[in-house]
N, C-alpha and C. Protein backbone atom coordinates (compact mmCIF):
# COMPACT_ATOMS: atom_id res chain seq x y z
N MET A 1 -151.15 97.95 -33.48
CA MET A 1 -150.81 98.53 -32.18
C MET A 1 -151.32 97.60 -31.08
N LEU A 2 -150.45 97.29 -30.14
CA LEU A 2 -150.78 96.52 -28.94
C LEU A 2 -150.69 97.47 -27.76
N THR A 3 -151.74 97.53 -26.97
CA THR A 3 -151.74 98.32 -25.75
C THR A 3 -151.89 97.38 -24.57
N ILE A 4 -151.04 97.59 -23.56
CA ILE A 4 -151.09 96.81 -22.32
C ILE A 4 -151.37 97.80 -21.20
N ILE A 5 -152.38 97.50 -20.40
CA ILE A 5 -152.79 98.40 -19.32
C ILE A 5 -152.80 97.65 -17.99
N GLY A 6 -152.06 98.19 -17.03
CA GLY A 6 -152.06 97.65 -15.68
C GLY A 6 -153.02 98.42 -14.81
N CYS A 7 -153.84 97.69 -14.07
CA CYS A 7 -154.83 98.30 -13.18
C CYS A 7 -154.61 97.82 -11.75
N GLY A 8 -155.05 98.63 -10.80
CA GLY A 8 -154.96 98.25 -9.40
C GLY A 8 -154.58 99.41 -8.51
N ASN A 9 -154.51 99.12 -7.23
CA ASN A 9 -154.23 100.13 -6.21
C ASN A 9 -152.88 99.80 -5.56
N LEU A 10 -151.89 100.66 -5.77
CA LEU A 10 -150.55 100.43 -5.22
C LEU A 10 -150.51 100.40 -3.69
N ASN A 11 -151.53 100.89 -3.04
CA ASN A 11 -151.56 100.95 -1.57
C ASN A 11 -152.27 99.76 -0.93
N ARG A 12 -152.65 98.75 -1.73
CA ARG A 12 -153.40 97.61 -1.21
C ARG A 12 -152.71 96.29 -1.52
N ASN A 13 -151.42 96.19 -1.23
CA ASN A 13 -150.63 94.98 -1.41
C ASN A 13 -150.88 94.32 -2.77
N ASP A 14 -151.47 93.12 -2.78
CA ASP A 14 -151.62 92.35 -4.01
C ASP A 14 -152.53 93.01 -5.05
N ASP A 15 -153.35 93.96 -4.65
CA ASP A 15 -154.19 94.66 -5.62
C ASP A 15 -153.33 95.44 -6.61
N ALA A 16 -152.09 95.69 -6.28
CA ALA A 16 -151.18 96.45 -7.12
C ALA A 16 -150.54 95.63 -8.24
N VAL A 17 -150.80 94.34 -8.30
CA VAL A 17 -150.06 93.47 -9.21
C VAL A 17 -150.13 93.91 -10.67
N GLY A 18 -151.26 94.35 -11.15
CA GLY A 18 -151.37 94.79 -12.55
C GLY A 18 -150.53 96.02 -12.82
N VAL A 19 -150.55 96.96 -11.90
CA VAL A 19 -149.76 98.18 -12.02
C VAL A 19 -148.27 97.86 -11.98
N ILE A 20 -147.87 96.98 -11.09
CA ILE A 20 -146.45 96.63 -10.95
C ILE A 20 -145.94 95.94 -12.22
N ILE A 21 -146.72 95.05 -12.79
CA ILE A 21 -146.31 94.40 -14.04
C ILE A 21 -146.20 95.46 -15.15
N ALA A 22 -147.16 96.36 -15.23
CA ALA A 22 -147.12 97.41 -16.26
C ALA A 22 -145.88 98.29 -16.10
N GLN A 23 -145.54 98.63 -14.87
CA GLN A 23 -144.36 99.45 -14.63
C GLN A 23 -143.07 98.72 -15.04
N ARG A 24 -143.02 97.41 -14.78
CA ARG A 24 -141.86 96.62 -15.21
C ARG A 24 -141.77 96.58 -16.74
N LEU A 25 -142.93 96.46 -17.40
CA LEU A 25 -142.95 96.46 -18.86
C LEU A 25 -142.51 97.81 -19.42
N GLN A 26 -142.90 98.90 -18.76
CA GLN A 26 -142.46 100.22 -19.20
C GLN A 26 -140.94 100.33 -19.12
N GLN A 27 -140.36 99.80 -18.06
CA GLN A 27 -138.89 99.81 -17.93
C GLN A 27 -138.25 98.97 -19.04
N TYR A 28 -138.84 97.81 -19.32
CA TYR A 28 -138.32 96.95 -20.38
C TYR A 28 -138.37 97.68 -21.73
N LEU A 29 -139.50 98.34 -22.01
CA LEU A 29 -139.67 99.03 -23.29
C LEU A 29 -138.80 100.28 -23.40
N ALA A 30 -138.42 100.86 -22.28
CA ALA A 30 -137.51 102.00 -22.32
C ALA A 30 -136.14 101.57 -22.85
N GLN A 31 -135.78 100.31 -22.62
CA GLN A 31 -134.50 99.78 -23.09
C GLN A 31 -134.62 99.00 -24.39
N ASN A 32 -135.83 98.55 -24.71
CA ASN A 32 -136.11 97.75 -25.91
C ASN A 32 -137.28 98.38 -26.64
N ILE A 33 -137.03 99.44 -27.36
CA ILE A 33 -138.10 100.26 -27.93
C ILE A 33 -138.84 99.51 -29.03
N HIS A 34 -140.17 99.51 -28.90
CA HIS A 34 -141.07 98.92 -29.88
C HIS A 34 -142.18 99.94 -30.16
N PRO A 35 -142.13 100.62 -31.30
CA PRO A 35 -143.07 101.72 -31.55
C PRO A 35 -144.54 101.31 -31.64
N ASN A 36 -144.83 100.04 -31.85
CA ASN A 36 -146.23 99.60 -31.97
C ASN A 36 -146.76 98.98 -30.68
N ILE A 37 -146.07 99.23 -29.57
CA ILE A 37 -146.51 98.71 -28.28
C ILE A 37 -146.53 99.84 -27.28
N ARG A 38 -147.66 99.98 -26.61
CA ARG A 38 -147.82 101.01 -25.59
C ARG A 38 -148.19 100.32 -24.28
N VAL A 39 -147.65 100.82 -23.18
CA VAL A 39 -147.96 100.28 -21.86
C VAL A 39 -148.34 101.44 -20.95
N PHE A 40 -149.47 101.28 -20.24
CA PHE A 40 -149.95 102.32 -19.34
C PHE A 40 -150.24 101.75 -17.96
N ASP A 41 -149.97 102.55 -16.96
CA ASP A 41 -150.39 102.29 -15.58
C ASP A 41 -151.63 103.16 -15.39
N CYS A 42 -152.79 102.53 -15.37
CA CYS A 42 -154.05 103.29 -15.22
C CYS A 42 -154.59 103.22 -13.81
N GLY A 43 -153.88 102.57 -12.90
CA GLY A 43 -154.33 102.53 -11.51
C GLY A 43 -155.76 102.06 -11.40
N THR A 44 -156.60 102.88 -10.79
CA THR A 44 -158.01 102.53 -10.60
C THR A 44 -158.93 103.37 -11.48
N ALA A 45 -158.38 103.99 -12.51
CA ALA A 45 -159.14 104.92 -13.35
C ALA A 45 -159.71 104.21 -14.59
N GLY A 46 -160.92 103.71 -14.46
CA GLY A 46 -161.57 103.02 -15.57
C GLY A 46 -161.72 103.88 -16.80
N MET A 47 -162.02 105.15 -16.61
CA MET A 47 -162.19 106.06 -17.74
C MET A 47 -160.89 106.18 -18.53
N GLU A 48 -159.76 106.20 -17.84
CA GLU A 48 -158.46 106.28 -18.51
C GLU A 48 -158.20 105.01 -19.33
N VAL A 49 -158.63 103.87 -18.81
CA VAL A 49 -158.49 102.61 -19.56
C VAL A 49 -159.19 102.74 -20.91
N MET A 50 -160.40 103.27 -20.89
CA MET A 50 -161.18 103.41 -22.12
C MET A 50 -160.45 104.30 -23.13
N PHE A 51 -159.93 105.43 -22.68
CA PHE A 51 -159.28 106.36 -23.60
C PHE A 51 -157.91 105.86 -24.08
N GLN A 52 -157.15 105.20 -23.22
CA GLN A 52 -155.84 104.70 -23.62
C GLN A 52 -155.95 103.52 -24.59
N ALA A 53 -157.03 102.75 -24.50
CA ALA A 53 -157.22 101.60 -25.38
C ALA A 53 -157.63 102.03 -26.79
N ARG A 54 -158.22 103.18 -26.90
CA ARG A 54 -158.72 103.66 -28.19
C ARG A 54 -157.58 103.70 -29.22
N GLY A 55 -157.88 103.19 -30.41
CA GLY A 55 -156.92 103.22 -31.50
C GLY A 55 -156.03 102.00 -31.59
N SER A 56 -156.11 101.11 -30.64
CA SER A 56 -155.30 99.89 -30.65
C SER A 56 -156.04 98.76 -31.36
N GLU A 57 -155.27 97.84 -31.90
CA GLU A 57 -155.86 96.64 -32.48
C GLU A 57 -156.05 95.56 -31.42
N LYS A 58 -155.07 95.49 -30.50
CA LYS A 58 -155.10 94.49 -29.43
C LYS A 58 -154.92 95.18 -28.10
N LEU A 59 -155.59 94.66 -27.08
CA LEU A 59 -155.51 95.21 -25.74
C LEU A 59 -155.32 94.09 -24.74
N ILE A 60 -154.39 94.28 -23.81
CA ILE A 60 -154.20 93.36 -22.70
C ILE A 60 -154.37 94.17 -21.42
N ILE A 61 -155.23 93.68 -20.54
CA ILE A 61 -155.44 94.31 -19.23
C ILE A 61 -154.89 93.38 -18.16
N LEU A 62 -154.22 93.97 -17.17
CA LEU A 62 -153.62 93.24 -16.06
C LEU A 62 -154.24 93.72 -14.76
N ASP A 63 -154.68 92.80 -13.92
CA ASP A 63 -155.28 93.21 -12.65
C ASP A 63 -155.26 92.05 -11.67
N ALA A 64 -155.57 92.36 -10.43
CA ALA A 64 -155.74 91.35 -9.40
C ALA A 64 -157.20 90.88 -9.41
N SER A 65 -157.43 89.71 -8.86
CA SER A 65 -158.80 89.22 -8.69
C SER A 65 -158.96 88.74 -7.26
N CYS A 66 -160.21 88.62 -6.87
CA CYS A 66 -160.56 88.14 -5.53
C CYS A 66 -161.80 87.27 -5.67
N THR A 67 -161.56 86.02 -6.11
CA THR A 67 -162.67 85.12 -6.42
C THR A 67 -162.81 83.97 -5.42
N GLY A 68 -161.87 83.90 -4.48
CA GLY A 68 -161.87 82.77 -3.57
C GLY A 68 -161.03 81.61 -4.10
N SER A 69 -160.38 81.81 -5.23
CA SER A 69 -159.51 80.77 -5.81
C SER A 69 -158.19 80.74 -5.04
N GLU A 70 -157.34 79.81 -5.41
CA GLU A 70 -156.01 79.68 -4.81
C GLU A 70 -155.22 80.97 -5.03
N PRO A 71 -154.66 81.57 -3.98
CA PRO A 71 -153.85 82.78 -4.17
C PRO A 71 -152.72 82.53 -5.17
N GLY A 72 -152.54 83.49 -6.07
CA GLY A 72 -151.53 83.37 -7.10
C GLY A 72 -152.02 82.74 -8.38
N ALA A 73 -153.25 82.20 -8.38
CA ALA A 73 -153.80 81.60 -9.59
C ALA A 73 -153.86 82.67 -10.68
N ILE A 74 -153.50 82.27 -11.89
CA ILE A 74 -153.50 83.17 -13.03
C ILE A 74 -154.66 82.80 -13.94
N PHE A 75 -155.47 83.78 -14.25
CA PHE A 75 -156.59 83.59 -15.17
C PHE A 75 -156.36 84.44 -16.41
N LYS A 76 -156.45 83.82 -17.57
CA LYS A 76 -156.34 84.53 -18.85
C LYS A 76 -157.72 84.43 -19.50
N VAL A 77 -158.40 85.57 -19.56
CA VAL A 77 -159.81 85.58 -19.92
C VAL A 77 -160.05 86.50 -21.12
N PRO A 78 -160.84 86.07 -22.10
CA PRO A 78 -161.21 86.98 -23.19
C PRO A 78 -161.99 88.17 -22.63
N GLY A 79 -161.65 89.36 -23.08
CA GLY A 79 -162.30 90.56 -22.59
C GLY A 79 -163.81 90.54 -22.73
N LYS A 80 -164.32 89.94 -23.80
CA LYS A 80 -165.77 89.87 -24.02
C LYS A 80 -166.49 89.21 -22.85
N GLU A 81 -165.80 88.28 -22.17
CA GLU A 81 -166.40 87.57 -21.05
C GLU A 81 -166.58 88.46 -19.82
N LEU A 82 -165.82 89.54 -19.75
CA LEU A 82 -165.80 90.37 -18.55
C LEU A 82 -166.40 91.75 -18.72
N GLU A 83 -166.55 92.21 -19.97
CA GLU A 83 -167.03 93.57 -20.15
C GLU A 83 -168.48 93.71 -19.69
N ALA A 84 -168.79 94.83 -19.08
CA ALA A 84 -170.13 95.09 -18.54
C ALA A 84 -170.41 96.58 -18.61
N LEU A 85 -171.58 96.94 -19.10
CA LEU A 85 -171.96 98.35 -19.11
C LEU A 85 -172.20 98.81 -17.68
N PRO A 86 -171.76 100.01 -17.34
CA PRO A 86 -171.95 100.51 -15.97
C PRO A 86 -173.39 100.91 -15.71
N GLU A 87 -173.76 100.86 -14.45
CA GLU A 87 -175.05 101.40 -14.04
C GLU A 87 -174.97 102.92 -14.14
N PRO A 88 -176.07 103.59 -14.47
CA PRO A 88 -176.02 105.06 -14.51
C PRO A 88 -175.57 105.61 -13.16
N SER A 89 -174.60 106.53 -13.21
CA SER A 89 -174.04 107.09 -11.99
C SER A 89 -173.31 108.39 -12.30
N TYR A 90 -173.24 109.26 -11.33
CA TYR A 90 -172.46 110.47 -11.48
C TYR A 90 -171.09 110.33 -10.84
N ASN A 91 -170.78 109.17 -10.31
CA ASN A 91 -169.53 108.93 -9.60
C ASN A 91 -168.57 108.15 -10.50
N LEU A 92 -167.51 108.80 -10.98
CA LEU A 92 -166.56 108.12 -11.86
C LEU A 92 -165.77 107.03 -11.16
N HIS A 93 -165.78 107.01 -9.82
CA HIS A 93 -165.10 105.94 -9.09
C HIS A 93 -165.80 104.61 -9.30
N ASP A 94 -167.05 104.65 -9.73
CA ASP A 94 -167.80 103.43 -10.01
C ASP A 94 -167.52 102.89 -11.41
N PHE A 95 -166.79 103.62 -12.22
CA PHE A 95 -166.51 103.24 -13.60
C PHE A 95 -165.18 102.48 -13.63
N ARG A 96 -165.28 101.14 -13.75
CA ARG A 96 -164.10 100.27 -13.69
C ARG A 96 -163.66 99.86 -15.10
N TRP A 97 -162.56 99.11 -15.19
CA TRP A 97 -162.06 98.70 -16.50
C TRP A 97 -163.03 97.80 -17.24
N ASP A 98 -163.82 96.98 -16.53
CA ASP A 98 -164.79 96.14 -17.23
C ASP A 98 -165.87 97.01 -17.88
N HIS A 99 -166.20 98.12 -17.23
CA HIS A 99 -167.12 99.08 -17.83
C HIS A 99 -166.45 99.78 -19.02
N ALA A 100 -165.15 100.06 -18.88
CA ALA A 100 -164.41 100.73 -19.95
C ALA A 100 -164.42 99.88 -21.22
N LEU A 101 -164.33 98.58 -21.08
CA LEU A 101 -164.37 97.70 -22.26
C LEU A 101 -165.70 97.82 -22.99
N ALA A 102 -166.78 97.73 -22.25
CA ALA A 102 -168.11 97.79 -22.88
C ALA A 102 -168.40 99.18 -23.43
N ALA A 103 -168.12 100.21 -22.63
CA ALA A 103 -168.40 101.58 -23.07
C ALA A 103 -167.51 101.98 -24.23
N GLY A 104 -166.23 101.62 -24.16
CA GLY A 104 -165.31 101.95 -25.24
C GLY A 104 -165.72 101.32 -26.56
N ARG A 105 -166.16 100.07 -26.50
CA ARG A 105 -166.60 99.39 -27.71
C ARG A 105 -167.85 100.08 -28.28
N LYS A 106 -168.74 100.49 -27.40
CA LYS A 106 -169.98 101.15 -27.84
C LYS A 106 -169.70 102.55 -28.39
N ILE A 107 -168.84 103.31 -27.71
CA ILE A 107 -168.58 104.69 -28.11
C ILE A 107 -167.65 104.76 -29.32
N PHE A 108 -166.53 104.04 -29.27
CA PHE A 108 -165.49 104.19 -30.29
C PHE A 108 -165.63 103.20 -31.45
N GLN A 109 -166.48 102.20 -31.29
CA GLN A 109 -166.78 101.19 -32.31
C GLN A 109 -165.52 100.60 -32.94
N ASP A 110 -165.28 100.85 -34.23
CA ASP A 110 -164.14 100.25 -34.93
C ASP A 110 -162.79 100.80 -34.48
N ASP A 111 -162.80 101.89 -33.71
CA ASP A 111 -161.55 102.47 -33.21
C ASP A 111 -161.20 101.93 -31.82
N PHE A 112 -161.87 100.84 -31.43
CA PHE A 112 -161.60 100.20 -30.15
C PHE A 112 -161.10 98.79 -30.43
N PRO A 113 -160.17 98.27 -29.62
CA PRO A 113 -159.56 96.97 -29.91
C PRO A 113 -160.60 95.85 -30.08
N SER A 114 -160.40 95.07 -31.13
CA SER A 114 -161.29 93.93 -31.35
C SER A 114 -160.83 92.72 -30.53
N LEU A 115 -159.54 92.65 -30.25
CA LEU A 115 -158.99 91.55 -29.45
C LEU A 115 -158.59 92.08 -28.08
N VAL A 116 -159.26 91.58 -27.05
CA VAL A 116 -158.97 91.99 -25.67
C VAL A 116 -158.74 90.74 -24.83
N ILE A 117 -157.62 90.72 -24.14
CA ILE A 117 -157.30 89.63 -23.22
C ILE A 117 -157.06 90.26 -21.85
N VAL A 118 -157.57 89.60 -20.82
CA VAL A 118 -157.41 90.09 -19.45
C VAL A 118 -156.66 89.02 -18.65
N TYR A 119 -155.57 89.43 -18.03
CA TYR A 119 -154.83 88.57 -17.11
C TYR A 119 -155.21 88.99 -15.70
N LEU A 120 -155.74 88.05 -14.94
CA LEU A 120 -156.09 88.30 -13.55
C LEU A 120 -155.25 87.38 -12.67
N ILE A 121 -154.70 87.93 -11.60
CA ILE A 121 -153.93 87.13 -10.64
C ILE A 121 -154.66 87.19 -9.31
N GLU A 122 -154.99 86.02 -8.79
CA GLU A 122 -155.74 85.94 -7.54
C GLU A 122 -154.90 86.46 -6.38
N ALA A 123 -155.45 87.43 -5.67
CA ALA A 123 -154.77 88.07 -4.55
C ALA A 123 -154.77 87.18 -3.31
N ALA A 124 -153.71 87.32 -2.53
CA ALA A 124 -153.63 86.66 -1.22
C ALA A 124 -153.87 87.67 -0.11
N ASN A 125 -153.48 88.94 -0.34
CA ASN A 125 -153.54 89.96 0.70
C ASN A 125 -153.96 91.30 0.09
N LEU A 126 -155.10 91.81 0.50
CA LEU A 126 -155.59 93.10 0.02
C LEU A 126 -155.60 94.16 1.11
N ASP A 127 -154.84 93.91 2.19
CA ASP A 127 -154.73 94.90 3.26
C ASP A 127 -153.93 96.11 2.77
N LEU A 128 -153.93 97.16 3.57
CA LEU A 128 -153.11 98.32 3.24
C LEU A 128 -151.64 97.94 3.32
N GLY A 129 -150.88 98.35 2.33
CA GLY A 129 -149.45 98.06 2.30
C GLY A 129 -148.92 98.11 0.88
N TRP A 130 -147.60 98.01 0.75
CA TRP A 130 -146.95 98.19 -0.55
C TRP A 130 -146.27 96.94 -1.08
N GLU A 131 -146.40 95.82 -0.41
CA GLU A 131 -145.67 94.61 -0.81
C GLU A 131 -146.60 93.58 -1.43
N LEU A 132 -146.16 92.97 -2.52
CA LEU A 132 -146.87 91.82 -3.05
C LEU A 132 -146.54 90.61 -2.19
N SER A 133 -147.53 89.75 -1.97
CA SER A 133 -147.25 88.51 -1.25
C SER A 133 -146.35 87.64 -2.14
N PRO A 134 -145.55 86.76 -1.55
CA PRO A 134 -144.62 85.94 -2.35
C PRO A 134 -145.31 85.16 -3.47
N VAL A 135 -146.47 84.59 -3.20
CA VAL A 135 -147.15 83.78 -4.22
C VAL A 135 -147.63 84.65 -5.38
N VAL A 136 -148.08 85.86 -5.09
CA VAL A 136 -148.53 86.78 -6.14
C VAL A 136 -147.32 87.34 -6.89
N GLN A 137 -146.22 87.60 -6.20
CA GLN A 137 -145.00 88.05 -6.87
C GLN A 137 -144.53 87.00 -7.87
N HIS A 138 -144.58 85.73 -7.47
CA HIS A 138 -144.19 84.65 -8.38
C HIS A 138 -145.08 84.63 -9.62
N SER A 139 -146.38 84.77 -9.43
CA SER A 139 -147.32 84.78 -10.56
C SER A 139 -147.10 86.00 -11.44
N ALA A 140 -146.79 87.15 -10.81
CA ALA A 140 -146.50 88.36 -11.58
C ALA A 140 -145.28 88.14 -12.46
N ASP A 141 -144.27 87.46 -11.95
CA ASP A 141 -143.07 87.16 -12.74
C ASP A 141 -143.42 86.28 -13.94
N LEU A 142 -144.30 85.31 -13.74
CA LEU A 142 -144.71 84.42 -14.84
C LEU A 142 -145.47 85.20 -15.91
N VAL A 143 -146.39 86.06 -15.50
CA VAL A 143 -147.17 86.87 -16.45
C VAL A 143 -146.24 87.84 -17.18
N PHE A 144 -145.33 88.46 -16.47
CA PHE A 144 -144.36 89.37 -17.08
C PHE A 144 -143.59 88.64 -18.18
N ALA A 145 -143.08 87.45 -17.90
CA ALA A 145 -142.32 86.67 -18.88
C ALA A 145 -143.19 86.34 -20.10
N GLU A 146 -144.44 85.99 -19.87
CA GLU A 146 -145.34 85.68 -20.99
C GLU A 146 -145.58 86.93 -21.84
N LEU A 147 -145.71 88.08 -21.19
CA LEU A 147 -145.94 89.32 -21.93
C LEU A 147 -144.71 89.73 -22.74
N ILE A 148 -143.53 89.47 -22.22
CA ILE A 148 -142.31 89.75 -22.99
C ILE A 148 -142.32 88.92 -24.27
N LYS A 149 -142.73 87.66 -24.18
CA LYS A 149 -142.83 86.81 -25.38
C LYS A 149 -143.85 87.38 -26.36
N ILE A 150 -144.98 87.84 -25.84
CA ILE A 150 -146.02 88.43 -26.71
C ILE A 150 -145.47 89.69 -27.38
N ILE A 151 -144.77 90.51 -26.65
CA ILE A 151 -144.18 91.74 -27.21
C ILE A 151 -143.20 91.37 -28.32
N GLN A 152 -142.35 90.40 -28.07
CA GLN A 152 -141.37 89.99 -29.07
C GLN A 152 -142.04 89.41 -30.31
N GLN A 153 -143.13 88.65 -30.11
CA GLN A 153 -143.87 88.10 -31.27
C GLN A 153 -144.55 89.23 -32.04
N ASN A 154 -145.05 90.23 -31.34
CA ASN A 154 -145.71 91.36 -31.99
C ASN A 154 -144.73 92.15 -32.85
N VAL A 155 -143.50 92.24 -32.38
CA VAL A 155 -142.48 92.98 -33.13
C VAL A 155 -142.15 92.22 -34.42
N MET A 156 -142.14 90.90 -34.34
CA MET A 156 -141.82 90.10 -35.51
C MET A 156 -142.95 90.07 -36.52
N ALA A 157 -144.18 90.28 -36.05
CA ALA A 157 -145.35 90.18 -36.94
C ALA A 157 -145.44 91.33 -37.91
């Protein structure tokens, strides 16, 4: 089972890139059904990331980044490099997908994906709005195409 999860805020321009790619993949899979591939739009809900990833062998997370790099830069990072246990808190808004990776692995153990890849696209604009900047849209198209290849390879495997 391959699970792909898009994260981000649809109301913050480029922050929505992970969600937008996930929604495009959902449309693709509605027309090209693959029973061993699941795609979720988890928005900003880290806890949902943890629960949706459970039971998968492989997990791909899609999100925007804000590192000061060139806008539109695509980073493909092993999940182990990014997972972090959350600080104790009663506020679930503080529980992000990087926390979900660490907590999910600790809680679900062998029932949590052993292979995790994170695609991050450097944002150009995080203001309020619904449009991806052109450079981020271009990078989203590249990541989408790469994920279609991964989906097709997974079906053949």
